[in-house]
PDB file of N, CA and C in Angstrom:
ATOM      1  N   MET A   1     -15.243  11.767  21.985  1.00  0.00           N
ATOM      2  CA  MET A   1     -15.138  12.014  20.559  1.00  0.00           C
ATOM      3  C   MET A   1     -15.831  10.845  19.860  1.00  0.00           C
ATOM      4  N   ASP A   2     -16.753  11.162  18.989  1.00  0.00           N
ATOM      5  CA  ASP A   2     -17.486  10.075  18.317  1.00  0.00           C
ATOM      6  C   ASP A   2     -16.596   9.382  17.290  1.00  0.00           C
ATOM      7  N   LYS A   3     -17.027   8.207  16.898  1.00  0.00           N
ATOM      8  CA  LYS A   3     -16.237   7.352  16.012  1.00  0.00           C
ATOM      9  C   LYS A   3     -15.918   8.041  14.684  1.00  0.00           C
ATOM     10  N   GLU A   4     -16.906   8.715  14.127  1.00  0.00           N
ATOM     11  CA  GLU A   4     -16.706   9.375  12.833  1.00  0.00           C
ATOM     12  C   GLU A   4     -15.646  10.474  12.921  1.00  0.00           C
ATOM     13  N   LYS A   5     -15.721  11.280  13.983  1.00  0.00           N
ATOM     14  CA  LYS A   5     -14.722  12.353  14.173  1.00  0.00           C
ATOM     15  C   LYS A   5     -13.334  11.750  14.389  1.00  0.00           C
ATOM     16  N   MET A   6     -13.274  10.674  15.170  1.00  0.00           N
ATOM     17  CA  MET A   6     -11.992  10.021  15.428  1.00  0.00           C
ATOM     18  C   MET A   6     -11.391   9.497  14.128  1.00  0.00           C
ATOM     19  N   GLU A   7     -12.203   8.930  13.259  1.00  0.00           N
ATOM     20  CA  GLU A   7     -11.701   8.435  11.979  1.00  0.00           C
ATOM     21  C   GLU A   7     -11.135   9.573  11.130  1.00  0.00           C
ATOM     22  N   LEU A   8     -11.800  10.710  11.134  1.00  0.00           N
ATOM     23  CA  LEU A   8     -11.298  11.867  10.382  1.00  0.00           C
ATOM     24  C   LEU A   8      -9.960  12.338  10.939  1.00  0.00           C
ATOM     25  N   VAL A   9      -9.860  12.374  12.253  1.00  0.00           N
ATOM     26  CA  VAL A   9      -8.626  12.785  12.900  1.00  0.00           C
ATOM     27  C   VAL A   9      -7.495  11.826  12.540  1.00  0.00           C
ATOM     28  N   VAL A  10      -7.790  10.537  12.592  1.00  0.00           N
ATOM     29  CA  VAL A  10      -6.798   9.517  12.265  1.00  0.00           C
ATOM     30  C   VAL A  10      -6.299   9.714  10.838  1.00  0.00           C
ATOM     31  N   PHE A  11      -7.200   9.904   9.910  1.00  0.00           N
ATOM     32  CA  PHE A  11      -6.785  10.059   8.521  1.00  0.00           C
ATOM     33  C   PHE A  11      -6.034  11.366   8.292  1.00  0.00           C
ATOM     34  N   GLU A  12      -6.358  12.404   9.052  1.00  0.00           N
ATOM     35  CA  GLU A  12      -5.593  13.655   8.950  1.00  0.00           C
ATOM     36  C   GLU A  12      -4.153  13.430   9.400  1.00  0.00           C
ATOM     37  N   ILE A  13      -3.979  12.684  10.494  1.00  0.00           N
ATOM     38  CA  ILE A  13      -2.630  12.405  10.988  1.00  0.00           C
ATOM     39  C   ILE A  13      -1.856  11.578   9.972  1.00  0.00           C
ATOM     40  N   VAL A  14      -2.465  10.505   9.465  1.00  0.00           N
ATOM     41  CA  VAL A  14      -1.793   9.642   8.495  1.00  0.00           C
ATOM     42  C   VAL A  14      -1.423  10.439   7.242  1.00  0.00           C
ATOM     43  N   ASN A  15      -2.331  11.237   6.750  1.00  0.00           N
ATOM     44  CA  ASN A  15      -2.078  12.026   5.548  1.00  0.00           C
ATOM     45  C   ASN A  15      -0.929  13.018   5.755  1.00  0.00           C
ATOM     46  N   SER A  16      -0.990  13.765   6.848  1.00  0.00           N
ATOM     47  CA  SER A  16       0.059  14.762   7.105  1.00  0.00           C
ATOM     48  C   SER A  16       1.408  14.111   7.346  1.00  0.00           C
ATOM     49  N   ALA A  17       1.421  13.011   8.097  1.00  0.00           N
ATOM     50  CA  ALA A  17       2.676  12.311   8.371  1.00  0.00           C
ATOM     51  C   ALA A  17       3.254  11.728   7.078  1.00  0.00           C
ATOM     52  N   GLY A  18       2.411  11.160   6.256  1.00  0.00           N
ATOM     53  CA  GLY A  18       2.873  10.606   4.982  1.00  0.00           C
ATOM     54  C   GLY A  18       3.426  11.683   4.068  1.00  0.00           C
ATOM     55  N   THR A  19       2.767  12.811   4.044  1.00  0.00           N
ATOM     56  CA  THR A  19       3.247  13.943   3.251  1.00  0.00           C
ATOM     57  C   THR A  19       4.619  14.386   3.742  1.00  0.00           C
ATOM     58  N   ALA A  20       4.768  14.511   5.056  1.00  0.00           N
ATOM     59  CA  ALA A  20       6.041  14.941   5.635  1.00  0.00           C
ATOM     60  C   ALA A  20       7.164  13.966   5.293  1.00  0.00           C
ATOM     61  N   LYS A  21       6.882  12.694   5.417  1.00  0.00           N
ATOM     62  CA  LYS A  21       7.899  11.677   5.137  1.00  0.00           C
ATOM     63  C   LYS A  21       8.309  11.725   3.659  1.00  0.00           C
ATOM     64  N   GLY A  22       7.330  11.851   2.783  1.00  0.00           N
ATOM     65  CA  GLY A  22       7.617  11.936   1.357  1.00  0.00           C
ATOM     66  C   GLY A  22       8.451  13.160   1.021  1.00  0.00           C
ATOM     67  N   LEU A  23       8.129  14.291   1.624  1.00  0.00           N
ATOM     68  CA  LEU A  23       8.895  15.517   1.388  1.00  0.00           C
ATOM     69  C   LEU A  23      10.327  15.386   1.899  1.00  0.00           C
ATOM     70  N   ALA A  24      10.494  14.722   3.035  1.00  0.00           N
ATOM     71  CA  ALA A  24      11.840  14.529   3.585  1.00  0.00           C
ATOM     72  C   ALA A  24      12.685  13.679   2.637  1.00  0.00           C
ATOM     73  N   TYR A  25      12.100  12.626   2.088  1.00  0.00           N
ATOM     74  CA  TYR A  25      12.843  11.796   1.139  1.00  0.00           C
ATOM     75  C   TYR A  25      13.133  12.553  -0.158  1.00  0.00           C
ATOM     76  N   GLU A  26      12.228  13.420  -0.576  1.00  0.00           N
ATOM     77  CA  GLU A  26      12.507  14.265  -1.746  1.00  0.00           C
ATOM     78  C   GLU A  26      13.682  15.195  -1.447  1.00  0.00           C
ATOM     79  N   ALA A  27      13.713  15.727  -0.231  1.00  0.00           N
ATOM     80  CA  ALA A  27      14.813  16.603   0.179  1.00  0.00           C
ATOM     81  C   ALA A  27      16.139  15.853   0.122  1.00  0.00           C
ATOM     82  N   LEU A  28      16.133  14.607   0.552  1.00  0.00           N
ATOM     83  CA  LEU A  28      17.346  13.795   0.501  1.00  0.00           C
ATOM     84  C   LEU A  28      17.829  13.616  -0.938  1.00  0.00           C
ATOM     85  N   ARG A  29      16.891  13.337  -1.843  1.00  0.00           N
ATOM     86  CA  ARG A  29      17.265  13.181  -3.257  1.00  0.00           C
ATOM     87  C   ARG A  29      17.851  14.476  -3.819  1.00  0.00           C
ATOM     88  N   GLU A  30      17.266  15.592  -3.438  1.00  0.00           N
ATOM     89  CA  GLU A  30      17.794  16.879  -3.908  1.00  0.00           C
ATOM     90  C   GLU A  30      19.209  17.108  -3.370  1.00  0.00           C
ATOM     91  N   ALA A  31      19.430  16.771  -2.112  1.00  0.00           N
ATOM     92  CA  ALA A  31      20.754  16.940  -1.517  1.00  0.00           C
ATOM     93  C   ALA A  31      21.773  16.024  -2.200  1.00  0.00           C
ATOM     94  N   GLU A  32      21.356  14.808  -2.542  1.00  0.00           N
ATOM     95  CA  GLU A  32      22.248  13.885  -3.259  1.00  0.00           C
ATOM     96  C   GLU A  32      22.725  14.500  -4.568  1.00  0.00           C
ATOM     97  N   ASN A  33      21.862  15.303  -5.168  1.00  0.00           N
ATOM     98  CA  ASN A  33      22.188  15.957  -6.438  1.00  0.00           C
ATOM     99  C   ASN A  33      22.816  17.334  -6.255  1.00  0.00           C
ATOM    100  N   GLY A  34      23.094  17.700  -4.997  1.00  0.00           N
ATOM    101  CA  GLY A  34      23.745  18.982  -4.725  1.00  0.00           C
ATOM    102  C   GLY A  34      22.813  20.172  -4.684  1.00  0.00           C
ATOM    103  N   ASN A  35      21.514  19.937  -4.715  1.00  0.00           N
ATOM    104  CA  ASN A  35      20.522  21.027  -4.691  1.00  0.00           C
ATOM    105  C   ASN A  35      20.111  21.303  -3.240  1.00  0.00           C
ATOM    106  N   PHE A  36      20.999  21.912  -2.470  1.00  0.00           N
ATOM    107  CA  PHE A  36      20.784  22.077  -1.034  1.00  0.00           C
ATOM    108  C   PHE A  36      19.702  23.093  -0.702  1.00  0.00           C
ATOM    109  N   GLU A  37      19.579  24.117  -1.514  1.00  0.00           N
ATOM    110  CA  GLU A  37      18.507  25.102  -1.275  1.00  0.00           C
ATOM    111  C   GLU A  37      17.134  24.447  -1.431  1.00  0.00           C
ATOM    112  N   GLU A  38      16.976  23.641  -2.461  1.00  0.00           N
ATOM    113  CA  GLU A  38      15.716  22.936  -2.678  1.00  0.00           C
ATOM    114  C   GLU A  38      15.472  21.930  -1.548  1.00  0.00           C
ATOM    115  N   ALA A  39      16.537  21.279  -1.105  1.00  0.00           N
ATOM    116  CA  ALA A  39      16.418  20.322   0.001  1.00  0.00           C
ATOM    117  C   ALA A  39      15.901  21.031   1.255  1.00  0.00           C
ATOM    118  N   GLU A  40      16.449  22.193   1.545  1.00  0.00           N
ATOM    119  CA  GLU A  40      16.011  22.945   2.732  1.00  0.00           C
ATOM    120  C   GLU A  40      14.544  23.376   2.601  1.00  0.00           C
ATOM    121  N   LYS A  41      14.163  23.782   1.411  1.00  0.00           N
ATOM    122  CA  LYS A  41      12.767  24.175   1.166  1.00  0.00           C
ATOM    123  C   LYS A  41      11.833  22.994   1.427  1.00  0.00           C
ATOM    124  N   LEU A  42      12.219  21.827   0.937  1.00  0.00           N
ATOM    125  CA  LEU A  42      11.393  20.634   1.135  1.00  0.00           C
ATOM    126  C   LEU A  42      11.334  20.229   2.599  1.00  0.00           C
ATOM    127  N   LEU A  43      12.432  20.390   3.321  1.00  0.00           N
ATOM    128  CA  LEU A  43      12.419  20.078   4.752  1.00  0.00           C
ATOM    129  C   LEU A  43      11.487  21.023   5.513  1.00  0.00           C
ATOM    130  N   LYS A  44      11.446  22.274   5.106  1.00  0.00           N
ATOM    131  CA  LYS A  44      10.519  23.220   5.746  1.00  0.00           C
ATOM    132  C   LYS A  44       9.070  22.819   5.473  1.00  0.00           C
ATOM    133  N   GLU A  45       8.793  22.369   4.259  1.00  0.00           N
ATOM    134  CA  GLU A  45       7.447  21.886   3.943  1.00  0.00           C
ATOM    135  C   GLU A  45       7.121  20.653   4.778  1.00  0.00           C
ATOM    136  N   ALA A  46       8.104  19.783   4.967  1.00  0.00           N
ATOM    137  CA  ALA A  46       7.906  18.598   5.803  1.00  0.00           C
ATOM    138  C   ALA A  46       7.593  19.012   7.236  1.00  0.00           C
ATOM    139  N   ASP A  47       8.286  20.036   7.729  1.00  0.00           N
ATOM    140  CA  ASP A  47       8.014  20.546   9.076  1.00  0.00           C
ATOM    141  C   ASP A  47       6.573  21.027   9.210  1.00  0.00           C
ATOM    142  N   GLU A  48       6.099  21.709   8.181  1.00  0.00           N
ATOM    143  CA  GLU A  48       4.718  22.215   8.205  1.00  0.00           C
ATOM    144  C   GLU A  48       3.720  21.056   8.264  1.00  0.00           C
ATOM    145  N   ALA A  49       3.976  20.012   7.501  1.00  0.00           N
ATOM    146  CA  ALA A  49       3.086  18.849   7.512  1.00  0.00           C
ATOM    147  C   ALA A  49       3.133  18.149   8.872  1.00  0.00           C
ATOM    148  N   LEU A  50       4.331  18.042   9.456  1.00  0.00           N
ATOM    149  CA  LEU A  50       4.442  17.426  10.780  1.00  0.00           C
ATOM    150  C   LEU A  50       3.729  18.264  11.830  1.00  0.00           C
ATOM    151  N   LEU A  51       3.831  19.568  11.715  1.00  0.00           N
ATOM    152  CA  LEU A  51       3.136  20.442  12.655  1.00  0.00           C
ATOM    153  C   LEU A  51       1.631  20.241  12.550  1.00  0.00           C
ATOM    154  N   SER A  52       1.141  20.105  11.337  1.00  0.00           N
ATOM    155  CA  SER A  52      -0.285  19.858  11.129  1.00  0.00           C
ATOM    156  C   SER A  52      -0.710  18.558  11.824  1.00  0.00           C
ATOM    157  N   ALA A  53       0.071  17.499  11.634  1.00  0.00           N
ATOM    158  CA  ALA A  53      -0.241  16.223  12.274  1.00  0.00           C
ATOM    159  C   ALA A  53      -0.166  16.349  13.792  1.00  0.00           C
ATOM    160  N   HIS A  54       0.831  17.050  14.266  1.00  0.00           N
ATOM    161  CA  HIS A  54       0.993  17.228  15.714  1.00  0.00           C
ATOM    162  C   HIS A  54      -0.185  18.006  16.302  1.00  0.00           C
ATOM    163  N   ASN A  55      -0.648  19.017  15.577  1.00  0.00           N
ATOM    164  CA  ASN A  55      -1.790  19.801  16.067  1.00  0.00           C
ATOM    165  C   ASN A  55      -3.041  18.942  16.195  1.00  0.00           C
ATOM    166  N   VAL A  56      -3.254  18.059  15.247  1.00  0.00           N
ATOM    167  CA  VAL A  56      -4.406  17.153  15.304  1.00  0.00           C
ATOM    168  C   VAL A  56      -4.238  16.201  16.484  1.00  0.00           C
ATOM    169  N   GLN A  57      -3.041  15.691  16.662  1.00  0.00           N
ATOM    170  CA  GLN A  57      -2.759  14.794  17.781  1.00  0.00           C
ATOM    171  C   GLN A  57      -3.016  15.518  19.110  1.00  0.00           C
ATOM    172  N   THR A  58      -2.590  16.769  19.193  1.00  0.00           N
ATOM    173  CA  THR A  58      -2.800  17.569  20.406  1.00  0.00           C
ATOM    174  C   THR A  58      -4.288  17.746  20.699  1.00  0.00           C
ATOM    175  N   GLU A  59      -5.082  17.886  19.648  1.00  0.00           N
ATOM    176  CA  GLU A  59      -6.531  18.004  19.803  1.00  0.00           C
ATOM    177  C   GLU A  59      -7.100  16.776  20.523  1.00  0.00           C
ATOM    178  N   ILE A  60      -6.616  15.609  20.160  1.00  0.00           N
ATOM    179  CA  ILE A  60      -7.084  14.371  20.794  1.00  0.00           C
ATOM    180  C   ILE A  60      -6.644  14.330  22.253  1.00  0.00           C
ATOM    181  N   ILE A  61      -5.399  14.690  22.501  1.00  0.00           N
ATOM    182  CA  ILE A  61      -4.880  14.680  23.868  1.00  0.00           C
ATOM    183  C   ILE A  61      -5.670  15.655  24.741  1.00  0.00           C
ATOM    184  N   GLN A  62      -5.928  16.852  24.224  1.00  0.00           N
ATOM    185  CA  GLN A  62      -6.682  17.841  24.990  1.00  0.00           C
ATOM    186  C   GLN A  62      -8.104  17.368  25.279  1.00  0.00           C
ATOM    187  N   ALA A  63      -8.719  16.699  24.314  1.00  0.00           N
ATOM    188  CA  ALA A  63     -10.069  16.174  24.526  1.00  0.00           C
ATOM    189  C   ALA A  63     -10.060  15.155  25.660  1.00  0.00           C
ATOM    190  N   GLU A  64      -9.064  14.276  25.670  1.00  0.00           N
ATOM    191  CA  GLU A  64      -8.997  13.264  26.721  1.00  0.00           C
ATOM    192  C   GLU A  64      -8.715  13.891  28.081  1.00  0.00           C
ATOM    193  N   VAL A  65      -7.813  14.870  28.119  1.00  0.00           N
ATOM    194  CA  VAL A  65      -7.497  15.559  29.371  1.00  0.00           C
ATOM    195  C   VAL A  65      -8.733  16.281  29.911  1.00  0.00           C
ATOM    196  N   SER A  66      -9.573  16.762  29.010  1.00  0.00           N
ATOM    197  CA  SER A  66     -10.801  17.463  29.407  1.00  0.00           C
ATOM    198  C   SER A  66     -11.882  16.515  29.892  1.00  0.00           C
ATOM    199  N   GLY A  67     -11.589  15.223  29.873  1.00  0.00           N
ATOM    200  CA  GLY A  67     -12.557  14.258  30.372  1.00  0.00           C
ATOM    201  C   GLY A  67     -13.372  13.566  29.298  1.00  0.00           C
ATOM    202  N   GLU A  68     -13.127  13.924  28.042  1.00  0.00           N
ATOM    203  CA  GLU A  68     -13.855  13.280  26.954  1.00  0.00           C
ATOM    204  C   GLU A  68     -13.335  11.853  26.794  1.00  0.00           C
ATOM    205  N   ALA A  69     -14.250  10.927  26.642  1.00  0.00           N
ATOM    206  CA  ALA A  69     -13.860   9.526  26.484  1.00  0.00           C
ATOM    207  C   ALA A  69     -13.256   9.314  25.100  1.00  0.00           C
ATOM    208  N   ILE A  70     -12.032   8.835  25.084  1.00  0.00           N
ATOM    209  CA  ILE A  70     -11.343   8.527  23.835  1.00  0.00           C
ATOM    210  C   ILE A  70     -11.073   7.029  23.829  1.00  0.00           C
ATOM    211  N   THR A  71     -11.614   6.362  22.841  1.00  0.00           N
ATOM    212  CA  THR A  71     -11.383   4.929  22.716  1.00  0.00           C
ATOM    213  C   THR A  71     -10.391   4.718  21.586  1.00  0.00           C
ATOM    214  N   PRO A  72      -9.146   4.378  21.955  1.00  0.00           N
ATOM    215  CA  PRO A  72      -8.161   4.172  20.898  1.00  0.00           C
ATOM    216  C   PRO A  72      -8.527   2.969  20.030  1.00  0.00           C
ATOM    217  N   SER A  73      -8.346   3.131  18.748  1.00  0.00           N
ATOM    218  CA  SER A  73      -8.616   2.043  17.810  1.00  0.00           C
ATOM    219  C   SER A  73      -7.308   1.625  17.163  1.00  0.00           C
ATOM    220  N   VAL A  74      -7.342   0.536  16.438  1.00  0.00           N
ATOM    221  CA  VAL A  74      -6.159   0.104  15.693  1.00  0.00           C
ATOM    222  C   VAL A  74      -5.765   1.205  14.706  1.00  0.00           C
ATOM    223  N   LEU A  75      -6.738   1.851  14.094  1.00  0.00           N
ATOM    224  CA  LEU A  75      -6.429   2.941  13.155  1.00  0.00           C
ATOM    225  C   LEU A  75      -5.724   4.099  13.852  1.00  0.00           C
ATOM    226  N   PHE A  76      -6.148   4.406  15.071  1.00  0.00           N
ATOM    227  CA  PHE A  76      -5.504   5.489  15.817  1.00  0.00           C
ATOM    228  C   PHE A  76      -4.047   5.126  16.120  1.00  0.00           C
ATOM    229  N   VAL A  77      -3.825   3.904  16.576  1.00  0.00           N
ATOM    230  CA  VAL A  77      -2.460   3.449  16.851  1.00  0.00           C
ATOM    231  C   VAL A  77      -1.638   3.493  15.568  1.00  0.00           C
ATOM    232  N   HIS A  78      -2.236   3.087  14.469  1.00  0.00           N
ATOM    233  CA  HIS A  78      -1.576   3.118  13.167  1.00  0.00           C
ATOM    234  C   HIS A  78      -1.171   4.561  12.803  1.00  0.00           C
ATOM    235  N   SER A  79      -2.041   5.498  13.070  1.00  0.00           N
ATOM    236  CA  SER A  79      -1.728   6.893  12.754  1.00  0.00           C
ATOM    237  C   SER A  79      -0.566   7.395  13.601  1.00  0.00           C
ATOM    238  N   GLN A  80      -0.508   6.972  14.852  1.00  0.00           N
ATOM    239  CA  GLN A  80       0.591   7.372  15.722  1.00  0.00           C
ATOM    240  C   GLN A  80       1.915   6.787  15.226  1.00  0.00           C
ATOM    241  N   ASP A  81       1.852   5.562  14.728  1.00  0.00           N
ATOM    242  CA  ASP A  81       3.038   4.917  14.159  1.00  0.00           C
ATOM    243  C   ASP A  81       3.523   5.696  12.942  1.00  0.00           C
ATOM    244  N   HIS A  82       2.604   6.099  12.089  1.00  0.00           N
ATOM    245  CA  HIS A  82       2.965   6.899  10.908  1.00  0.00           C
ATOM    246  C   HIS A  82       3.646   8.197  11.331  1.00  0.00           C
ATOM    247  N   LEU A  83       3.083   8.853  12.316  1.00  0.00           N
ATOM    248  CA  LEU A  83       3.643  10.129  12.757  1.00  0.00           C
ATOM    249  C   LEU A  83       5.047   9.928  13.334  1.00  0.00           C
ATOM    250  N   MET A  84       5.198   8.923  14.176  1.00  0.00           N
ATOM    251  CA  MET A  84       6.491   8.662  14.797  1.00  0.00           C
ATOM    252  C   MET A  84       7.559   8.341  13.747  1.00  0.00           C
ATOM    253  N   THR A  85       7.220   7.502  12.784  1.00  0.00           N
ATOM    254  CA  THR A  85       8.219   7.133  11.778  1.00  0.00           C
ATOM    255  C   THR A  85       8.528   8.311  10.853  1.00  0.00           C
ATOM    256  N   ALA A  86       7.558   9.157  10.599  1.00  0.00           N
ATOM    257  CA  ALA A  86       7.815  10.341   9.772  1.00  0.00           C
ATOM    258  C   ALA A  86       8.776  11.289  10.481  1.00  0.00           C
ATOM    259  N   ILE A  87       8.579  11.473  11.780  1.00  0.00           N
ATOM    260  CA  ILE A  87       9.470  12.336  12.556  1.00  0.00           C
ATOM    261  C   ILE A  87      10.880  11.752  12.562  1.00  0.00           C
ATOM    262  N   GLU A  88      10.979  10.458  12.795  1.00  0.00           N
ATOM    263  CA  GLU A  88      12.292   9.808  12.841  1.00  0.00           C
ATOM    264  C   GLU A  88      12.984   9.856  11.477  1.00  0.00           C
ATOM    265  N   ALA A  89      12.236   9.591  10.411  1.00  0.00           N
ATOM    266  CA  ALA A  89      12.824   9.643   9.070  1.00  0.00           C
ATOM    267  C   ALA A  89      13.350  11.042   8.776  1.00  0.00           C
ATOM    268  N   LYS A  90      12.586  12.055   9.108  1.00  0.00           N
ATOM    269  CA  LYS A  90      13.011  13.429   8.841  1.00  0.00           C
ATOM    270  C   LYS A  90      14.275  13.758   9.623  1.00  0.00           C
ATOM    271  N   THR A  91      14.330  13.336  10.875  1.00  0.00           N
ATOM    272  CA  THR A  91      15.505  13.596  11.702  1.00  0.00           C
ATOM    273  C   THR A  91      16.748  12.940  11.101  1.00  0.00           C
ATOM    274  N   LEU A  92      16.630  11.691  10.691  1.00  0.00           N
ATOM    275  CA  LEU A  92      17.765  10.996  10.085  1.00  0.00           C
ATOM    276  C   LEU A  92      18.169  11.636   8.759  1.00  0.00           C
ATOM    277  N   ILE A  93      17.192  12.005   7.977  1.00  0.00           N
ATOM    278  CA  ILE A  93      17.463  12.622   6.677  1.00  0.00           C
ATOM    279  C   ILE A  93      18.158  13.963   6.848  1.00  0.00           C
ATOM    280  N   GLU A  94      17.782  14.727   7.862  1.00  0.00           N
ATOM    281  CA  GLU A  94      18.476  15.997   8.118  1.00  0.00           C
ATOM    282  C   GLU A  94      19.966  15.752   8.373  1.00  0.00           C
ATOM    283  N   GLY A  95      20.286  14.698   9.127  1.00  0.00           N
ATOM    284  CA  GLY A  95      21.686  14.356   9.359  1.00  0.00           C
ATOM    285  C   GLY A  95      22.388  13.943   8.088  1.00  0.00           C
ATOM    286  N   MET A  96      21.708  13.182   7.265  1.00  0.00           N
ATOM    287  CA  MET A  96      22.295  12.755   5.996  1.00  0.00           C
ATOM    288  C   MET A  96      22.548  13.949   5.086  1.00  0.00           C
ATOM    289  N   ILE A  97      21.638  14.895   5.091  1.00  0.00           N
ATOM    290  CA  ILE A  97      21.821  16.089   4.260  1.00  0.00           C
ATOM    291  C   ILE A  97      23.026  16.890   4.754  1.00  0.00           C
ATOM    292  N   ARG A  98      23.213  16.961   6.076  1.00  0.00           N
ATOM    293  CA  ARG A  98      24.413  17.642   6.593  1.00  0.00           C
ATOM    294  C   ARG A  98      25.679  16.941   6.105  1.00  0.00           C
ATOM    295  N   MET A  99      25.642  15.609   6.059  1.00  0.00           N
ATOM    296  CA  MET A  99      26.803  14.865   5.550  1.00  0.00           C
ATOM    297  C   MET A  99      27.035  15.169   4.073  1.00  0.00           C
ATOM    298  N   TYR A 100      25.957  15.199   3.283  1.00  0.00           N
ATOM    299  CA  TYR A 100      26.103  15.529   1.861  1.00  0.00           C
ATOM    300  C   TYR A 100      26.703  16.919   1.680  1.00  0.00           C
ATOM    301  N   ARG A 101      26.289  17.873   2.503  1.00  0.00           N
ATOM    302  CA  ARG A 101      26.856  19.226   2.421  1.00  0.00           C
ATOM    303  C   ARG A 101      28.359  19.195   2.706  1.00  0.00           C
ATOM    304  N   ARG A 102      28.713  18.453   3.743  1.00  0.00           N
ATOM    305  CA  ARG A 102      30.128  18.380   4.117  1.00  0.00           C
ATOM    306  C   ARG A 102      30.940  17.725   2.997  1.00  0.00           C
ATOM    307  N   ILE A 103      30.423  16.655   2.450  1.00  0.00           N
ATOM    308  CA  ILE A 103      31.106  15.986   1.341  1.00  0.00           C
ATOM    309  C   ILE A 103      31.259  16.952   0.169  1.00  0.00           C
ATOM    310  N   ASP A 104      30.193  17.679  -0.128  1.00  0.00           N
ATOM    311  CA  ASP A 104      30.227  18.638  -1.233  1.00  0.00           C
ATOM    312  C   ASP A 104      31.298  19.699  -0.997  1.00  0.00           C
ATOM    313  N   GLU A 105      31.354  20.219   0.228  1.00  0.00           N
ATOM    314  CA  GLU A 105      32.352  21.245   0.556  1.00  0.00           C
ATOM    315  C   GLU A 105      33.761  20.679   0.439  1.00  0.00           C
ATOM    316  N   LEU A 106      33.972  19.461   0.913  1.00  0.00           N
ATOM    317  CA  LEU A 106      35.299  18.835   0.842  1.00  0.00           C
ATOM    318  C   LEU A 106      35.713  18.558  -0.599  1.00  0.00           C
ATOM    319  N   GLU A 107      34.768  18.161  -1.427  1.00  0.00           N
ATOM    320  CA  GLU A 107      35.093  17.882  -2.824  1.00  0.00           C
ATOM    321  C   GLU A 107      35.454  19.145  -3.578  1.00  0.00           C
ATOM    322  N   LYS A 108      34.936  20.287  -3.141  1.00  0.00           N
ATOM    323  CA  LYS A 108      35.217  21.548  -3.817  1.00  0.00           C
ATOM    324  C   LYS A 108      36.567  22.133  -3.438  1.00  0.00           C
ATOM    325  N   LYS A 109      37.199  21.580  -2.390  1.00  0.00           N
ATOM    326  CA  LYS A 109      38.514  22.106  -1.952  1.00  0.00           C
ATOM    327  C   LYS A 109      39.620  21.619  -2.842  1.00  0.00           C
TER     328      LYS A 109
END
């Protein structure tokens, strides 16, 4: 994979991961305000962004498995870090939203 293509791939991963992370935090804010339907909608959008990033990442893995020389750069490692932290943030936020739902249900009793 040439350097220019690799840079585009890296920026696609960073962009999609950043979008996913931002949407997950928006979902958390909505859940804090009791807007659980909106929170779920935002989490689904975050999933779509993560899937996009994962698909790009898979493209790189498949190229390397096919024998194409892939030279990892600091930017590539940075993009992987963004993706990993976005996935982790979303996972934690989903748990927090479940807690907010439970608190909401208990307060209504």
